[in-house]
Amino acid sequence: MKIRFMTEADLEQAAAIEAACFREPWSFDLLSSGYKNKWNLYLAAEEDGRLAGYGAVCVIAGEGEIQRIAVLEEFRRQGLGRKLLDAMVAAARNRGARAMTLEVRESNEPAIKLYFSAGFRTEAQRKDYYRNPREDALIMWNRSI
């Protein structure tokens, strides 16, 4: 599995991953807009020329915000999410980030365990942040990346 920066040519596959992984997937247009934003970094996990997952992180003023980590079902539980997360943290650090944050559904135990294992800690909660179904978000931080 190879982790690399995404190219514009990867956006179609990233949109398909979004549709497979999220109840409220980002559209191709939203992905494309985010990809072109100078503050964002998009990374891809590639296996035999096909995207198995991707991640998006925004870096502004010394802080990174993980916007997405998505891994196709058939590639889960193989450490790919951790590889993407580690690569995103390293890329954000290279852009000057010294702390990182994210939001996660409070019921998403696998993601929470992943983030916790990478040094993120829950610092706050956003009530009714998610829809479909309505659910709170945990706000997690790693303040020393």
Foldseek 3Di string as FASTA:
>chain_A
DDKDWDDLVCLVLQQVQQVQFDPDGDHSVRVNVLPPDPQKTKMFDDDPNHTQWIWMWGADDQEIETDDTTGHPVPPPPCPSLVRVVVVVVVNVVVRHQKYKYKDFPPPVVVVVSVVVVQKDFDDKAAQPDVPPGTIITMIMRRGD
